[in-house]
Each structure stands twice: as structure tokens, then as C-alpha cells.
Amino acid sequence: MQIKDGVILAGLQLVMRKVLISADAIWNELGQELVITAGLDGAHSAGSLHYYGLAIDLRSRYFTKDEKEEAAEKLRAALGSDYDVVVHKSHIHVEYDPE
């Protein structure tokens, strides 16, 4: 697992550890090294869970479209319904957002 330069994970909530462990295993299974591209850093929408240590972004640009969807589905299965997994063009956004 790598952390992109400038990414701030200090303050990441403990519930996000499950995301890091699961994503690392899934990315390895798909032949890629996990890269965390955003944590508490960066500009996000107002009220974003990034600012509360409850969201991270994971690099996915090296996946094919099918691989990206597979990674997202595997993450959803591993994390359960308390987490939202959203596929974007260059990354997968994961947040802890229990209903």
C-alpha cells in the first residue's frame, strides 16, 4: 500500500481501517498496488466526510472499466452496508456512512 505525497491520514477514524485492509487485499488480488489518493486533505464538497476522517479515495485509473467495477463490488461485499463505495473516473471513493 502506498500513500500519495501530500495525503493526510492523521485523524482518519478507526472505522476506516477496515477499508484500508480490505482494499489492499482486493487491489493485490487484481494485480495492482493500492494507492490512497485522498484522506483529510484536498478540496471536497461542503460537508464531505473526508473532513471528518470518514472517507478516503483509492486510485483506480490503472484498472480497466470491468476491473474497476469488480474492485468496487468486492469492496461493497467486504465492507457491508455501513460503507458507501462510489466509482469515479480516476478513483474509488469510500466513506463510512451508516444509515
PDB file of N, CA and C in Angstrom:
ATOM      1  N   MET A   1       0.847  -1.177   0.000  1.00  0.00           N
ATOM      2  CA  MET A   1       0.000   0.000   0.000  1.00  0.00           C
ATOM      3  C   MET A   1       0.887   1.233   0.000  1.00  0.00           C
ATOM      4  N   GLN A   2       0.489   2.184  -0.829  1.00  0.00           N
ATOM      5  CA  GLN A   2       1.203   3.456  -0.891  1.00  0.00           C
ATOM      6  C   GLN A   2       0.247   4.581  -0.534  1.00  0.00           C
ATOM      7  N   ILE A   3       0.828   5.656  -0.063  1.00  0.00           N
ATOM      8  CA  ILE A   3       0.064   6.871   0.207  1.00  0.00           C
ATOM      9  C   ILE A   3       0.655   7.964  -0.672  1.00  0.00           C
ATOM     10  N   LYS A   4      -0.173   8.537  -1.537  1.00  0.00           N
ATOM     11  CA  LYS A   4       0.282   9.590  -2.438  1.00  0.00           C
ATOM     12  C   LYS A   4       0.846  10.753  -1.625  1.00  0.00           C
ATOM     13  N   ASP A   5       1.916  11.371  -2.145  1.00  0.00           N
ATOM     14  CA  ASP A   5       2.515  12.523  -1.466  1.00  0.00           C
ATOM     15  C   ASP A   5       1.456  13.582  -1.182  1.00  0.00           C
ATOM     16  N   GLY A   6       1.477  14.103   0.035  1.00  0.00           N
ATOM     17  CA  GLY A   6       0.562  15.166   0.421  1.00  0.00           C
ATOM     18  C   GLY A   6      -0.744  14.685   1.037  1.00  0.00           C
ATOM     19  N   VAL A   7      -1.004  13.391   0.948  1.00  0.00           N
ATOM     20  CA  VAL A   7      -2.244  12.854   1.526  1.00  0.00           C
ATOM     21  C   VAL A   7      -2.125  12.834   3.045  1.00  0.00           C
ATOM     22  N   ILE A   8      -3.163  13.309   3.714  1.00  0.00           N
ATOM     23  CA  ILE A   8      -3.183  13.352   5.168  1.00  0.00           C
ATOM     24  C   ILE A   8      -4.141  12.277   5.680  1.00  0.00           C
ATOM     25  N   LEU A   9      -3.578  11.325   6.421  1.00  0.00           N
ATOM     26  CA  LEU A   9      -4.398  10.288   7.036  1.00  0.00           C
ATOM     27  C   LEU A   9      -4.470  10.456   8.549  1.00  0.00           C
ATOM     28  N   ALA A  10      -3.673  11.367   9.099  1.00  0.00           N
ATOM     29  CA  ALA A  10      -3.752  11.653  10.534  1.00  0.00           C
ATOM     30  C   ALA A  10      -5.140  12.194  10.823  1.00  0.00           C
ATOM     31  N   GLY A  11      -5.856  11.531  11.729  1.00  0.00           N
ATOM     32  CA  GLY A  11      -7.227  11.919  12.028  1.00  0.00           C
ATOM     33  C   GLY A  11      -8.250  11.015  11.362  1.00  0.00           C
ATOM     34  N   LEU A  12      -7.777  10.056  10.561  1.00  0.00           N
ATOM     35  CA  LEU A  12      -8.679   9.087   9.952  1.00  0.00           C
ATOM     36  C   LEU A  12      -9.318   8.258  11.058  1.00  0.00           C
ATOM     37  N   GLN A  13     -10.618   8.108  11.026  1.00  0.00           N
ATOM     38  CA  GLN A  13     -11.342   7.390  12.070  1.00  0.00           C
ATOM     39  C   GLN A  13     -11.051   5.884  12.007  1.00  0.00           C
ATOM     40  N   LEU A  14     -11.110   5.240  13.141  1.00  0.00           N
ATOM     41  CA  LEU A  14     -10.800   3.823  13.256  1.00  0.00           C
ATOM     42  C   LEU A  14     -11.662   2.955  12.336  1.00  0.00           C
ATOM     43  N   VAL A  15     -12.909   3.343  12.103  1.00  0.00           N
ATOM     44  CA  VAL A  15     -13.796   2.546  11.235  1.00  0.00           C
ATOM     45  C   VAL A  15     -13.273   2.472   9.801  1.00  0.00           C
ATOM     46  N   MET A  16     -12.348   3.348   9.434  1.00  0.00           N
ATOM     47  CA  MET A  16     -11.798   3.346   8.072  1.00  0.00           C
ATOM     48  C   MET A  16     -10.660   2.335   7.914  1.00  0.00           C
ATOM     49  N   ARG A  17     -10.189   1.792   9.018  1.00  0.00           N
ATOM     50  CA  ARG A  17      -9.124   0.782   8.942  1.00  0.00           C
ATOM     51  C   ARG A  17      -9.595  -0.436   8.147  1.00  0.00           C
ATOM     52  N   LYS A  18     -10.863  -0.802   8.325  1.00  0.00           N
ATOM     53  CA  LYS A  18     -11.448  -1.911   7.580  1.00  0.00           C
ATOM     54  C   LYS A  18     -11.362  -1.674   6.073  1.00  0.00           C
ATOM     55  N   VAL A  19     -11.532  -0.431   5.662  1.00  0.00           N
ATOM     56  CA  VAL A  19     -11.431  -0.075   4.238  1.00  0.00           C
ATOM     57  C   VAL A  19     -10.012  -0.306   3.738  1.00  0.00           C
ATOM     58  N   LEU A  20      -9.040   0.179   4.486  1.00  0.00           N
ATOM     59  CA  LEU A  20      -7.641   0.045   4.074  1.00  0.00           C
ATOM     60  C   LEU A  20      -7.234  -1.420   3.950  1.00  0.00           C
ATOM     61  N   ILE A  21      -7.600  -2.234   4.927  1.00  0.00           N
ATOM     62  CA  ILE A  21      -7.234  -3.653   4.912  1.00  0.00           C
ATOM     63  C   ILE A  21      -7.922  -4.379   3.755  1.00  0.00           C
ATOM     64  N   SER A  22      -9.213  -4.143   3.591  1.00  0.00           N
ATOM     65  CA  SER A  22      -9.968  -4.813   2.532  1.00  0.00           C
ATOM     66  C   SER A  22      -9.500  -4.376   1.156  1.00  0.00           C
ATOM     67  N   ALA A  23      -9.347  -3.073   0.952  1.00  0.00           N
ATOM     68  CA  ALA A  23      -8.931  -2.564  -0.348  1.00  0.00           C
ATOM     69  C   ALA A  23      -7.542  -3.062  -0.722  1.00  0.00           C
ATOM     70  N   ASP A  24      -6.639  -3.098   0.240  1.00  0.00           N
ATOM     71  CA  ASP A  24      -5.282  -3.574  -0.039  1.00  0.00           C
ATOM     72  C   ASP A  24      -5.327  -5.016  -0.559  1.00  0.00           C
ATOM     73  N   ALA A  25      -6.108  -5.859   0.083  1.00  0.00           N
ATOM     74  CA  ALA A  25      -6.220  -7.257  -0.348  1.00  0.00           C
ATOM     75  C   ALA A  25      -6.859  -7.366  -1.737  1.00  0.00           C
ATOM     76  N   ILE A  26      -7.891  -6.570  -1.991  1.00  0.00           N
ATOM     77  CA  ILE A  26      -8.591  -6.623  -3.282  1.00  0.00           C
ATOM     78  C   ILE A  26      -7.687  -6.127  -4.400  1.00  0.00           C
ATOM     79  N   TRP A  27      -7.001  -5.026  -4.181  1.00  0.00           N
ATOM     80  CA  TRP A  27      -6.095  -4.485  -5.217  1.00  0.00           C
ATOM     81  C   TRP A  27      -5.000  -5.504  -5.521  1.00  0.00           C
ATOM     82  N   ASN A  28      -4.439  -6.117  -4.475  1.00  0.00           N
ATOM     83  CA  ASN A  28      -3.409  -7.139  -4.695  1.00  0.00           C
ATOM     84  C   ASN A  28      -3.957  -8.297  -5.514  1.00  0.00           C
ATOM     85  N   GLU A  29      -5.166  -8.724  -5.198  1.00  0.00           N
ATOM     86  CA  GLU A  29      -5.817  -9.816  -5.935  1.00  0.00           C
ATOM     87  C   GLU A  29      -5.984  -9.456  -7.415  1.00  0.00           C
ATOM     88  N   LEU A  30      -6.207  -8.162  -7.692  1.00  0.00           N
ATOM     89  CA  LEU A  30      -6.385  -7.697  -9.068  1.00  0.00           C
ATOM     90  C   LEU A  30      -5.067  -7.273  -9.722  1.00  0.00           C
ATOM     91  N   GLY A  31      -3.957  -7.520  -9.030  1.00  0.00           N
ATOM     92  CA  GLY A  31      -2.638  -7.276  -9.622  1.00  0.00           C
ATOM     93  C   GLY A  31      -2.134  -5.850  -9.553  1.00  0.00           C
ATOM     94  N   GLN A  32      -2.677  -5.051  -8.643  1.00  0.00           N
ATOM     95  CA  GLN A  32      -2.245  -3.655  -8.509  1.00  0.00           C
ATOM     96  C   GLN A  32      -1.909  -3.346  -7.057  1.00  0.00           C
ATOM     97  N   GLU A  33      -1.037  -2.369  -6.882  1.00  0.00           N
ATOM     98  CA  GLU A  33      -0.745  -1.902  -5.529  1.00  0.00           C
ATOM     99  C   GLU A  33      -1.730  -0.792  -5.183  1.00  0.00           C
ATOM    100  N   LEU A  34      -2.318  -0.874  -4.008  1.00  0.00           N
ATOM    101  CA  LEU A  34      -3.257   0.141  -3.561  1.00  0.00           C
ATOM    102  C   LEU A  34      -2.530   1.460  -3.334  1.00  0.00           C
ATOM    103  N   VAL A  35      -3.113   2.549  -3.851  1.00  0.00           N
ATOM    104  CA  VAL A  35      -2.595   3.892  -3.609  1.00  0.00           C
ATOM    105  C   VAL A  35      -3.739   4.736  -3.053  1.00  0.00           C
ATOM    106  N   ILE A  36      -3.537   5.295  -1.869  1.00  0.00           N
ATOM    107  CA  ILE A  36      -4.504   6.193  -1.260  1.00  0.00           C
ATOM    108  C   ILE A  36      -4.237   7.580  -1.839  1.00  0.00           C
ATOM    109  N   THR A  37      -5.248   8.183  -2.482  1.00  0.00           N
ATOM    110  CA  THR A  37      -5.047   9.460  -3.151  1.00  0.00           C
ATOM    111  C   THR A  37      -5.655  10.647  -2.405  1.00  0.00           C
ATOM    112  N   ALA A  38      -6.504  10.396  -1.417  1.00  0.00           N
ATOM    113  CA  ALA A  38      -7.054  11.491  -0.605  1.00  0.00           C
ATOM    114  C   ALA A  38      -7.548  10.934   0.721  1.00  0.00           C
ATOM    115  N   GLY A  39      -7.347  11.736   1.739  1.00  0.00           N
ATOM    116  CA  GLY A  39      -7.848  11.429   3.073  1.00  0.00           C
ATOM    117  C   GLY A  39      -8.512  12.682   3.610  1.00  0.00           C
ATOM    118  N   LEU A  40      -7.887  13.283   4.612  1.00  0.00           N
ATOM    119  CA  LEU A  40      -8.429  14.512   5.179  1.00  0.00           C
ATOM    120  C   LEU A  40      -7.945  15.754   4.433  1.00  0.00           C
ATOM    121  N   ASP A  41      -7.148  15.561   3.425  1.00  0.00           N
ATOM    122  CA  ASP A  41      -6.567  16.643   2.628  1.00  0.00           C
ATOM    123  C   ASP A  41      -7.458  16.962   1.428  1.00  0.00           C
ATOM    124  N   GLY A  42      -7.077  17.969   0.690  1.00  0.00           N
ATOM    125  CA  GLY A  42      -7.716  18.283  -0.583  1.00  0.00           C
ATOM    126  C   GLY A  42      -9.003  19.064  -0.451  1.00  0.00           C
ATOM    127  N   ALA A  43      -9.537  19.422  -1.614  1.00  0.00           N
ATOM    128  CA  ALA A  43     -10.790  20.173  -1.684  1.00  0.00           C
ATOM    129  C   ALA A  43     -11.911  19.211  -2.036  1.00  0.00           C
ATOM    130  N   HIS A  44     -12.909  19.162  -1.191  1.00  0.00           N
ATOM    131  CA  HIS A  44     -14.054  18.287  -1.394  1.00  0.00           C
ATOM    132  C   HIS A  44     -15.318  19.120  -1.196  1.00  0.00           C
ATOM    133  N   SER A  45     -16.440  18.558  -1.530  1.00  0.00           N
ATOM    134  CA  SER A  45     -17.691  19.303  -1.399  1.00  0.00           C
ATOM    135  C   SER A  45     -17.961  19.649   0.069  1.00  0.00           C
ATOM    136  N   ALA A  46     -18.737  20.703   0.274  1.00  0.00           N
ATOM    137  CA  ALA A  46     -19.090  21.126   1.628  1.00  0.00           C
ATOM    138  C   ALA A  46     -19.764  19.965   2.351  1.00  0.00           C
ATOM    139  N   GLY A  47     -19.351  19.719   3.574  1.00  0.00           N
ATOM    140  CA  GLY A  47     -19.927  18.635   4.361  1.00  0.00           C
ATOM    141  C   GLY A  47     -19.370  17.266   4.041  1.00  0.00           C
ATOM    142  N   SER A  48     -18.360  17.209   3.188  1.00  0.00           N
ATOM    143  CA  SER A  48     -17.756  15.933   2.815  1.00  0.00           C
ATOM    144  C   SER A  48     -17.262  15.188   4.044  1.00  0.00           C
ATOM    145  N   LEU A  49     -17.443  13.884   4.033  1.00  0.00           N
ATOM    146  CA  LEU A  49     -16.965  13.063   5.141  1.00  0.00           C
ATOM    147  C   LEU A  49     -15.435  12.968   5.171  1.00  0.00           C
ATOM    148  N   HIS A  50     -14.764  13.408   4.099  1.00  0.00           N
ATOM    149  CA  HIS A  50     -13.296  13.481   4.114  1.00  0.00           C
ATOM    150  C   HIS A  50     -12.837  14.340   5.297  1.00  0.00           C
ATOM    151  N   TYR A  51     -13.525  15.446   5.523  1.00  0.00           N
ATOM    152  CA  TYR A  51     -13.112  16.402   6.556  1.00  0.00           C
ATOM    153  C   TYR A  51     -13.300  15.862   7.973  1.00  0.00           C
ATOM    154  N   TYR A  52     -14.044  14.772   8.101  1.00  0.00           N
ATOM    155  CA  TYR A  52     -14.296  14.172   9.410  1.00  0.00           C
ATOM    156  C   TYR A  52     -13.517  12.870   9.607  1.00  0.00           C
ATOM    157  N   GLY A  53     -12.647  12.570   8.659  1.00  0.00           N
ATOM    158  CA  GLY A  53     -11.857  11.346   8.752  1.00  0.00           C
ATOM    159  C   GLY A  53     -12.666  10.099   8.465  1.00  0.00           C
ATOM    160  N   LEU A  54     -13.746  10.250   7.715  1.00  0.00           N
ATOM    161  CA  LEU A  54     -14.638   9.135   7.428  1.00  0.00           C
ATOM    162  C   LEU A  54     -14.717   8.803   5.947  1.00  0.00           C
ATOM    163  N   ALA A  55     -13.756   9.287   5.154  1.00  0.00           N
ATOM    164  CA  ALA A  55     -13.748   8.986   3.719  1.00  0.00           C
ATOM    165  C   ALA A  55     -12.315   9.000   3.192  1.00  0.00           C
ATOM    166  N   ILE A  56     -12.079   8.130   2.230  1.00  0.00           N
ATOM    167  CA  ILE A  56     -10.797   8.115   1.520  1.00  0.00           C
ATOM    168  C   ILE A  56     -11.061   7.862   0.040  1.00  0.00           C
ATOM    169  N   ASP A  57     -10.084   8.229  -0.774  1.00  0.00           N
ATOM    170  CA  ASP A  57     -10.127   7.950  -2.209  1.00  0.00           C
ATOM    171  C   ASP A  57      -9.000   6.986  -2.546  1.00  0.00           C
ATOM    172  N   LEU A  58      -9.317   6.032  -3.412  1.00  0.00           N
ATOM    173  CA  LEU A  58      -8.385   4.978  -3.807  1.00  0.00           C
ATOM    174  C   LEU A  58      -8.144   5.052  -5.306  1.00  0.00           C
ATOM    175  N   ARG A  59      -6.883   5.029  -5.701  1.00  0.00           N
ATOM    176  CA  ARG A  59      -6.557   5.109  -7.128  1.00  0.00           C
ATOM    177  C   ARG A  59      -7.139   3.900  -7.866  1.00  0.00           C
ATOM    178  N   SER A  60      -7.707   4.173  -9.033  1.00  0.00           N
ATOM    179  CA  SER A  60      -8.256   3.095  -9.851  1.00  0.00           C
ATOM    180  C   SER A  60      -7.986   3.301 -11.337  1.00  0.00           C
ATOM    181  N   ARG A  61      -7.260   4.349 -11.695  1.00  0.00           N
ATOM    182  CA  ARG A  61      -7.067   4.678 -13.107  1.00  0.00           C
ATOM    183  C   ARG A  61      -6.334   3.598 -13.886  1.00  0.00           C
ATOM    184  N   TYR A  62      -5.616   2.729 -13.200  1.00  0.00           N
ATOM    185  CA  TYR A  62      -4.887   1.664 -13.888  1.00  0.00           C
ATOM    186  C   TYR A  62      -5.754   0.439 -14.145  1.00  0.00           C
ATOM    187  N   PHE A  63      -6.981   0.424 -13.638  1.00  0.00           N
ATOM    188  CA  PHE A  63      -7.900  -0.686 -13.884  1.00  0.00           C
ATOM    189  C   PHE A  63      -8.670  -0.469 -15.184  1.00  0.00           C
ATOM    190  N   THR A  64      -9.029  -1.560 -15.841  1.00  0.00           N
ATOM    191  CA  THR A  64      -9.994  -1.457 -16.929  1.00  0.00           C
ATOM    192  C   THR A  64     -11.343  -1.129 -16.298  1.00  0.00           C
ATOM    193  N   LYS A  65     -12.316  -0.779 -17.116  1.00  0.00           N
ATOM    194  CA  LYS A  65     -13.653  -0.473 -16.601  1.00  0.00           C
ATOM    195  C   LYS A  65     -14.215  -1.670 -15.833  1.00  0.00           C
ATOM    196  N   ASP A  66     -14.058  -2.855 -16.385  1.00  0.00           N
ATOM    197  CA  ASP A  66     -14.564  -4.063 -15.725  1.00  0.00           C
ATOM    198  C   ASP A  66     -13.839  -4.333 -14.414  1.00  0.00           C
ATOM    199  N   GLU A  67     -12.522  -4.145 -14.384  1.00  0.00           N
ATOM    200  CA  GLU A  67     -11.747  -4.357 -13.161  1.00  0.00           C
ATOM    201  C   GLU A  67     -12.146  -3.354 -12.079  1.00  0.00           C
ATOM    202  N   LYS A  68     -12.392  -2.113 -12.498  1.00  0.00           N
ATOM    203  CA  LYS A  68     -12.802  -1.080 -11.546  1.00  0.00           C
ATOM    204  C   LYS A  68     -14.142  -1.450 -10.906  1.00  0.00           C
ATOM    205  N   GLU A  69     -15.073  -1.906 -11.723  1.00  0.00           N
ATOM    206  CA  GLU A  69     -16.377  -2.324 -11.203  1.00  0.00           C
ATOM    207  C   GLU A  69     -16.230  -3.550 -10.295  1.00  0.00           C
ATOM    208  N   GLU A  70     -15.343  -4.466 -10.680  1.00  0.00           N
ATOM    209  CA  GLU A  70     -15.096  -5.652  -9.860  1.00  0.00           C
ATOM    210  C   GLU A  70     -14.519  -5.254  -8.504  1.00  0.00           C
ATOM    211  N   ALA A  71     -13.556  -4.330  -8.513  1.00  0.00           N
ATOM    212  CA  ALA A  71     -12.958  -3.861  -7.263  1.00  0.00           C
ATOM    213  C   ALA A  71     -14.022  -3.223  -6.376  1.00  0.00           C
ATOM    214  N   ALA A  72     -14.877  -2.402  -6.966  1.00  0.00           N
ATOM    215  CA  ALA A  72     -15.922  -1.732  -6.196  1.00  0.00           C
ATOM    216  C   ALA A  72     -16.909  -2.745  -5.614  1.00  0.00           C
ATOM    217  N   GLU A  73     -17.301  -3.721  -6.404  1.00  0.00           N
ATOM    218  CA  GLU A  73     -18.239  -4.744  -5.922  1.00  0.00           C
ATOM    219  C   GLU A  73     -17.634  -5.561  -4.780  1.00  0.00           C
ATOM    220  N   LYS A  74     -16.365  -5.915  -4.930  1.00  0.00           N
ATOM    221  CA  LYS A  74     -15.692  -6.673  -3.872  1.00  0.00           C
ATOM    222  C   LYS A  74     -15.583  -5.847  -2.592  1.00  0.00           C
ATOM    223  N   LEU A  75     -15.313  -4.549  -2.751  1.00  0.00           N
ATOM    224  CA  LEU A  75     -15.256  -3.668  -1.580  1.00  0.00           C
ATOM    225  C   LEU A  75     -16.617  -3.591  -0.895  1.00  0.00           C
ATOM    226  N   ARG A  76     -17.675  -3.426  -1.679  1.00  0.00           N
ATOM    227  CA  ARG A  76     -19.023  -3.362  -1.104  1.00  0.00           C
ATOM    228  C   ARG A  76     -19.334  -4.636  -0.319  1.00  0.00           C
ATOM    229  N   ALA A  77     -18.980  -5.772  -0.892  1.00  0.00           N
ATOM    230  CA  ALA A  77     -19.242  -7.057  -0.228  1.00  0.00           C
ATOM    231  C   ALA A  77     -18.434  -7.182   1.062  1.00  0.00           C
ATOM    232  N   ALA A  78     -17.179  -6.739   1.033  1.00  0.00           N
ATOM    233  CA  ALA A  78     -16.301  -6.858   2.195  1.00  0.00           C
ATOM    234  C   ALA A  78     -16.685  -5.886   3.315  1.00  0.00           C
ATOM    235  N   LEU A  79     -17.163  -4.702   2.938  1.00  0.00           N
ATOM    236  CA  LEU A  79     -17.402  -3.651   3.923  1.00  0.00           C
ATOM    237  C   LEU A  79     -18.814  -3.661   4.504  1.00  0.00           C
ATOM    238  N   GLY A  80     -19.787  -4.073   3.736  1.00  0.00           N
ATOM    239  CA  GLY A  80     -21.160  -4.083   4.214  1.00  0.00           C
ATOM    240  C   GLY A  80     -21.863  -2.751   4.006  1.00  0.00           C
ATOM    241  N   SER A  81     -23.084  -2.688   4.481  1.00  0.00           N
ATOM    242  CA  SER A  81     -23.978  -1.570   4.170  1.00  0.00           C
ATOM    243  C   SER A  81     -23.670  -0.268   4.910  1.00  0.00           C
ATOM    244  N   ASP A  82     -22.790  -0.293   5.891  1.00  0.00           N
ATOM    245  CA  ASP A  82     -22.436   0.950   6.593  1.00  0.00           C
ATOM    246  C   ASP A  82     -21.469   1.818   5.790  1.00  0.00           C
ATOM    247  N   TYR A  83     -20.950   1.282   4.715  1.00  0.00           N
ATOM    248  CA  TYR A  83     -19.981   1.995   3.885  1.00  0.00           C
ATOM    249  C   TYR A  83     -20.570   2.229   2.492  1.00  0.00           C
ATOM    250  N   ASP A  84     -20.287   3.401   1.926  1.00  0.00           N
ATOM    251  CA  ASP A  84     -20.648   3.707   0.545  1.00  0.00           C
ATOM    252  C   ASP A  84     -19.389   3.621  -0.301  1.00  0.00           C
ATOM    253  N   VAL A  85     -19.498   2.945  -1.445  1.00  0.00           N
ATOM    254  CA  VAL A  85     -18.386   2.808  -2.381  1.00  0.00           C
ATOM    255  C   VAL A  85     -18.854   3.415  -3.692  1.00  0.00           C
ATOM    256  N   VAL A  86     -18.201   4.500  -4.123  1.00  0.00           N
ATOM    257  CA  VAL A  86     -18.624   5.244  -5.308  1.00  0.00           C
ATOM    258  C   VAL A  86     -17.491   5.254  -6.327  1.00  0.00           C
ATOM    259  N   VAL A  87     -17.796   4.790  -7.539  1.00  0.00           N
ATOM    260  CA  VAL A  87     -16.801   4.745  -8.609  1.00  0.00           C
ATOM    261  C   VAL A  87     -16.788   6.080  -9.350  1.00  0.00           C
ATOM    262  N   HIS A  88     -15.607   6.677  -9.423  1.00  0.00           N
ATOM    263  CA  HIS A  88     -15.383   7.895 -10.207  1.00  0.00           C
ATOM    264  C   HIS A  88     -14.411   7.549 -11.333  1.00  0.00           C
ATOM    265  N   LYS A  89     -14.167   8.497 -12.214  1.00  0.00           N
ATOM    266  CA  LYS A  89     -13.313   8.239 -13.379  1.00  0.00           C
ATOM    267  C   LYS A  89     -11.907   7.792 -12.996  1.00  0.00           C
ATOM    268  N   SER A  90     -11.273   8.481 -12.047  1.00  0.00           N
ATOM    269  CA  SER A  90      -9.877   8.178 -11.724  1.00  0.00           C
ATOM    270  C   SER A  90      -9.678   7.566 -10.348  1.00  0.00           C
ATOM    271  N   HIS A  91     -10.757   7.382  -9.593  1.00  0.00           N
ATOM    272  CA  HIS A  91     -10.611   6.838  -8.247  1.00  0.00           C
ATOM    273  C   HIS A  91     -11.918   6.213  -7.769  1.00  0.00           C
ATOM    274  N   ILE A  92     -11.804   5.492  -6.676  1.00  0.00           N
ATOM    275  CA  ILE A  92     -12.971   4.959  -5.992  1.00  0.00           C
ATOM    276  C   ILE A  92     -13.036   5.642  -4.629  1.00  0.00           C
ATOM    277  N   HIS A  93     -14.152   6.245  -4.370  1.00  0.00           N
ATOM    278  CA  HIS A  93     -14.394   6.962  -3.109  1.00  0.00           C
ATOM    279  C   HIS A  93     -15.089   5.987  -2.158  1.00  0.00           C
ATOM    280  N   VAL A  94     -14.587   5.910  -0.922  1.00  0.00           N
ATOM    281  CA  VAL A  94     -15.202   5.048   0.090  1.00  0.00           C
ATOM    282  C   VAL A  94     -15.419   5.881   1.342  1.00  0.00           C
ATOM    283  N   GLU A  95     -16.648   5.810   1.886  1.00  0.00           N
ATOM    284  CA  GLU A  95     -16.953   6.566   3.100  1.00  0.00           C
ATOM    285  C   GLU A  95     -17.763   5.704   4.057  1.00  0.00           C
ATOM    286  N   TYR A  96     -17.600   6.010   5.317  1.00  0.00           N
ATOM    287  CA  TYR A  96     -18.384   5.360   6.353  1.00  0.00           C
ATOM    288  C   TYR A  96     -19.604   6.224   6.584  1.00  0.00           C
ATOM    289  N   ASP A  97     -20.768   5.683   6.247  1.00  0.00           N
ATOM    290  CA  ASP A  97     -21.999   6.455   6.299  1.00  0.00           C
ATOM    291  C   ASP A  97     -23.159   5.528   6.654  1.00  0.00           C
ATOM    292  N   PRO A  98     -23.200   5.076   7.922  1.00  0.00           N
ATOM    293  CA  PRO A  98     -24.277   4.138   8.298  1.00  0.00           C
ATOM    294  C   PRO A  98     -25.629   4.817   8.199  1.00  0.00           C
ATOM    295  N   GLU A  99     -26.619   4.050   7.789  1.00  0.00           N
ATOM    296  CA  GLU A  99     -27.981   4.569   7.623  1.00  0.00           C
ATOM    297  C   GLU A  99     -28.688   4.603   8.946  1.00  0.00           C
TER     298      GLU A  99
END
